[in-house]
């Protein structure tokens, strides 16, 4: 079977892969983590778009049947270019999360948490207001949450304190729905839900993206016989990635392959 191509700046996109495994268990996945050039959040939109084009073409050369941009920053900066250039479907994580939040909200006040790059782009605001101009969107950049996840501190008391600090401005604006606008954040879903309270619906953009993928996959592919074969590619430190990937996926990762960034940079010269 042709695999589903999934890429992220690092490991956060594995929360999307985990949901793909759950919702589409027969599908093989080719995951690409650009770990040598992360984080994408503080980088310019031009740089993120260049990196995203390189990785997408790399995946297309490996005959993927679709591409999932499992990175909010790359989705906000590069998705229109990737959709225009790709011969196969390309999905980002922003539109599925926005659609789910618009369905769930009762008051019309929706919170978004993400990286600085995603929040500064205004991508979720545009997506939500395209659905319903009456929706009010309150966003907060949460840059400390990504390193806390990667350190394995999801259950640490310090993480709850940081989450409270970040969510306080949103809760004071009376949000009733909160989009996890970074693919690392589903790892913190329990603590975020605890701090937000029962009156706030948590929207996991990773889960919604996997659901959207199920609808977008081109028809006609044969079903996999037995367990599908998955591949994991990174641009730096494969052994550390394996440890973190197993934390995100809740399953062993047998092999991680390294791709040199020079190989990517030769793909797009324009």
Foldseek 3Di string as FASTA:
>chain_A
DAAEEEEAQAQLLLLLVLLLCVPVVQGAYEYEHAPVDDDPQVPDLVVLQLLVVLVLVVSVVSPHQEYEHSWLLSCLRHVVVCCVPDPHYYHYLQLLLLVVQLVPFDVLEEEEEEANNNVVSCSNVVNNCVVPVSHHYHYFYQHVQVVCLLVVNLPPPVNLVSLLVGCVVSVVVPGQEYEHSGSSCVSNVVSNDVNSDPSHHYGDSSNSRSVVCVVRGDPDDDGHDPGHDYAAEYADDQVSSQVSSCVSNVDHDDDYYHDHVVVSCVPDPD
